Amino acid sequence: MDGHVGQFFQSVSSIFRGSDTLPVCDRDIIAGCETEVAEAANEEQKNDSLMRLSWALVHSRQPEDVNRGIGMLEASFGKSNSPLQTREKLYLLAVGHYRNGDYTRSRELLERCLEVQPDWRQALTLERLLEEKTKRDGMIGMAIVTGAFGLVGLVAGGIIAAASSSRKK
């Protein structure tokens, strides 16, 4: 379990080092968090363990884990007792939707998160990653559209050239 905790904190610390990628959790970390939830001695420990499990799930590379984390967070969202818990859950939901490729929903949740704490570094980092990802995806989309129009132009030019040469004969 100590190895899993070490991996967990190492993964979390990558956000604070200014890394341009989100931390990633593997199945071992998730399993450790699930065990922690099962072994919780009281309600407070269980809630803390569930938050760590949610964190691990939305930071997984496996879509089924991410979806499970989103579901857990959405189910517990109304039970937030403080602005800090609300901020954490909004951020984790934004991470989950970012991982799933739902950038619009991720952006909406980040905006709500930054209303609670405008200078929160983790949220600002995710916002920057989100902007970079949407710009990159937009550039790829533009290249595809430009390439498609170029191909259509070549085909049309070839047809016109063929038709014109057949009329001259």
Protein backbone atom coordinates (compact mmCIF):
# COMPACT_ATOMS: atom_id res chain seq x y z
CA MET A 1 0.00 0.00 0.00
CA ASP A 2 2.90 2.40 0.74
CA GLY A 3 4.06 2.05 -2.86
CA HIS A 4 0.60 3.00 -4.10
CA VAL A 5 0.47 6.03 -1.83
CA GLY A 6 3.90 7.09 -3.09
CA GLN A 7 2.74 6.80 -6.72
CA PHE A 8 -0.40 8.73 -5.84
CA PHE A 9 1.52 11.66 -4.32
CA GLN A 10 4.09 11.61 -7.11
CA SER A 11 1.26 11.84 -9.62
CA VAL A 12 -0.38 14.71 -7.73
CA SER A 13 2.89 16.61 -7.39
CA SER A 14 3.33 16.73 -11.18
CA ILE A 15 0.61 19.42 -11.27
CA PHE A 16 2.64 21.60 -8.91
CA ARG A 17 5.88 21.19 -10.85
CA GLY A 18 4.33 23.07 -13.74
CA SER A 19 4.02 19.97 -15.88
CA ASP A 20 1.92 20.36 -19.03
CA THR A 21 0.15 17.05 -18.58
CA LEU A 22 -2.42 15.90 -16.11
CA PRO A 23 -1.37 13.27 -13.61
CA VAL A 24 -2.31 9.71 -14.50
CA CYS A 25 -3.43 6.93 -12.18
CA ASP A 26 -3.12 3.26 -12.98
CA ARG A 27 -5.27 0.35 -11.86
CA ASP A 28 -3.04 -0.37 -8.84
CA ILE A 29 -3.61 3.09 -7.39
CA ILE A 30 -7.35 2.76 -8.00
CA ALA A 31 -7.39 -0.65 -6.31
CA GLY A 32 -5.56 0.82 -3.32
CA CYS A 33 -8.13 3.61 -3.06
CA GLU A 34 -10.98 1.09 -3.30
CA THR A 35 -9.44 -0.89 -0.44
CA GLU A 36 -9.12 2.31 1.58
CA VAL A 37 -12.86 3.02 1.06
CA ALA A 38 -13.78 -0.52 2.14
CA GLU A 39 -11.63 -0.30 5.27
CA ALA A 40 -12.76 3.18 6.37
CA ALA A 41 -13.58 3.16 10.09
CA ASN A 42 -16.09 6.02 10.10
CA GLU A 43 -18.12 8.26 7.78
CA GLU A 44 -15.49 11.02 7.64
CA GLN A 45 -12.74 8.60 6.63
CA LYS A 46 -15.06 7.02 4.08
CA ASN A 47 -15.88 10.42 2.52
CA ASP A 48 -12.18 11.33 2.34
CA SER A 49 -11.40 7.93 0.81
CA LEU A 50 -14.21 8.34 -1.73
CA MET A 51 -12.76 11.71 -2.80
CA ARG A 52 -9.34 10.10 -3.30
CA LEU A 53 -10.95 7.28 -5.27
CA SER A 54 -12.85 9.79 -7.42
CA TRP A 55 -9.59 11.65 -8.02
CA ALA A 56 -7.84 8.45 -9.05
CA LEU A 57 -10.70 7.39 -11.35
CA VAL A 58 -10.93 10.65 -13.31
CA HIS A 59 -7.14 10.65 -13.71
CA SER A 60 -7.16 7.15 -15.21
CA ARG A 61 -6.48 6.51 -18.89
CA GLN A 62 -9.32 3.97 -18.96
CA PRO A 63 -12.63 5.51 -20.13
CA GLU A 64 -14.68 3.19 -17.92
CA ASP A 65 -12.74 4.38 -14.84
CA VAL A 66 -13.18 8.03 -15.85
CA ASN A 67 -16.93 7.54 -16.35
CA ARG A 68 -17.21 5.81 -12.99
CA GLY A 69 -15.39 8.73 -11.33
CA ILE A 70 -17.69 11.24 -13.02
CA GLY A 71 -20.73 9.28 -11.83
CA MET A 72 -19.45 9.16 -8.25
CA LEU A 73 -18.74 12.89 -8.23
CA GLU A 74 -22.10 13.81 -9.75
CA ALA A 75 -23.91 11.61 -7.22
CA SER A 76 -22.11 13.28 -4.31
CA PHE A 77 -22.14 16.84 -5.65
CA GLY A 78 -25.22 18.00 -3.74
CA LYS A 79 -23.69 16.69 -0.50
CA SER A 80 -20.79 19.18 -0.55
CA ASN A 81 -20.54 20.89 2.82
CA SER A 82 -18.12 23.67 1.95
CA PRO A 83 -16.95 25.85 -0.95
CA LEU A 84 -13.67 23.91 -0.85
CA GLN A 85 -15.46 20.59 -1.45
CA THR A 86 -17.55 22.17 -4.20
CA ARG A 87 -14.40 23.53 -5.85
CA GLU A 88 -12.68 20.13 -5.65
CA LYS A 89 -15.64 18.29 -7.13
CA LEU A 90 -16.09 20.83 -9.93
CA TYR A 91 -12.41 20.52 -10.80
CA LEU A 92 -12.46 16.71 -10.76
CA LEU A 93 -15.59 16.70 -12.93
CA ALA A 94 -13.81 19.06 -15.35
CA VAL A 95 -10.82 16.68 -15.46
CA GLY A 96 -13.11 13.72 -16.14
CA HIS A 97 -14.89 15.47 -18.99
CA TYR A 98 -11.53 16.64 -20.39
CA ARG A 99 -10.29 13.04 -20.34
CA ASN A 100 -13.48 11.96 -22.16
CA GLY A 101 -13.01 14.62 -24.83
CA ASP A 102 -16.06 16.67 -23.76
CA TYR A 103 -14.18 19.96 -23.82
CA THR A 104 -17.29 22.16 -23.74
CA ARG A 105 -18.55 20.59 -20.51
CA SER A 106 -15.05 20.66 -19.04
CA ARG A 107 -14.77 24.38 -19.79
CA GLU A 108 -18.18 25.07 -18.16
CA LEU A 109 -17.16 23.24 -15.00
CA LEU A 110 -13.79 24.99 -14.89
CA GLU A 111 -15.50 28.38 -15.13
CA ARG A 112 -17.68 27.47 -12.13
CA CYS A 113 -14.61 26.19 -10.27
CA LEU A 114 -12.71 29.44 -10.91
CA GLU A 115 -15.69 31.43 -9.63
CA VAL A 116 -15.12 29.74 -6.26
CA GLN A 117 -11.34 30.36 -6.34
CA PRO A 118 -10.10 32.43 -9.31
CA ASP A 119 -6.38 31.89 -8.64
CA TRP A 120 -6.41 28.11 -8.11
CA ARG A 121 -3.34 26.84 -9.92
CA GLN A 122 -4.65 23.35 -10.75
CA ALA A 123 -7.77 24.77 -12.42
CA LEU A 124 -5.72 27.37 -14.30
CA THR A 125 -3.37 24.63 -15.52
CA LEU A 126 -6.29 22.54 -16.76
CA GLU A 127 -7.78 25.63 -18.41
CA ARG A 128 -4.49 26.20 -20.28
CA LEU A 129 -4.36 22.52 -21.33
CA LEU A 130 -7.96 22.75 -22.51
CA GLU A 131 -7.23 25.87 -24.59
CA GLU A 132 -4.14 24.25 -26.14
CA LYS A 133 -6.07 21.06 -26.93
CA THR A 134 -8.97 22.88 -28.59
CA LYS A 135 -6.56 25.05 -30.62
CA ARG A 136 -4.62 21.97 -31.74
CA ASP A 137 -7.85 20.11 -32.63
CA GLY A 138 -9.07 23.17 -34.51
CA MET A 139 -5.86 23.35 -36.54
CA ILE A 140 -6.13 19.67 -37.41
CA GLY A 141 -9.76 20.19 -38.45
CA MET A 142 -8.80 23.13 -40.66
CA ALA A 143 -6.04 21.07 -42.30
CA ILE A 144 -8.50 18.28 -43.05
CA VAL A 145 -11.05 20.69 -44.53
CA THR A 146 -8.36 22.43 -46.60
CA GLY A 147 -7.07 19.08 -47.84
CA ALA A 148 -10.58 17.97 -48.77
CA PHE A 149 -11.22 21.15 -50.75
CA GLY A 150 -7.85 20.73 -52.48
CA LEU A 151 -8.72 17.16 -53.45
CA VAL A 152 -12.14 18.23 -54.77
CA GLY A 153 -10.41 20.96 -56.79
CA LEU A 154 -7.95 18.48 -58.29
CA VAL A 155 -10.70 16.04 -59.23
CA ALA A 156 -12.85 18.82 -60.72
CA GLY A 157 -9.84 20.17 -62.63
CA GLY A 158 -9.08 16.71 -63.98
CA ILE A 159 -12.67 16.23 -65.13
CA ILE A 160 -12.75 19.64 -66.82
CA ALA A 161 -9.40 18.97 -68.52
CA ALA A 162 -10.58 15.58 -69.73
CA ALA A 163 -13.86 17.01 -71.01
CA SER A 164 -12.11 19.88 -72.74
CA SER A 165 -9.58 17.59 -74.46
CA SER A 166 -12.34 15.26 -75.69
CA ARG A 167 -14.21 18.19 -77.28
CA LYS A 168 -11.11 19.27 -79.23
CA LYS A 169 -10.90 15.90 -80.96
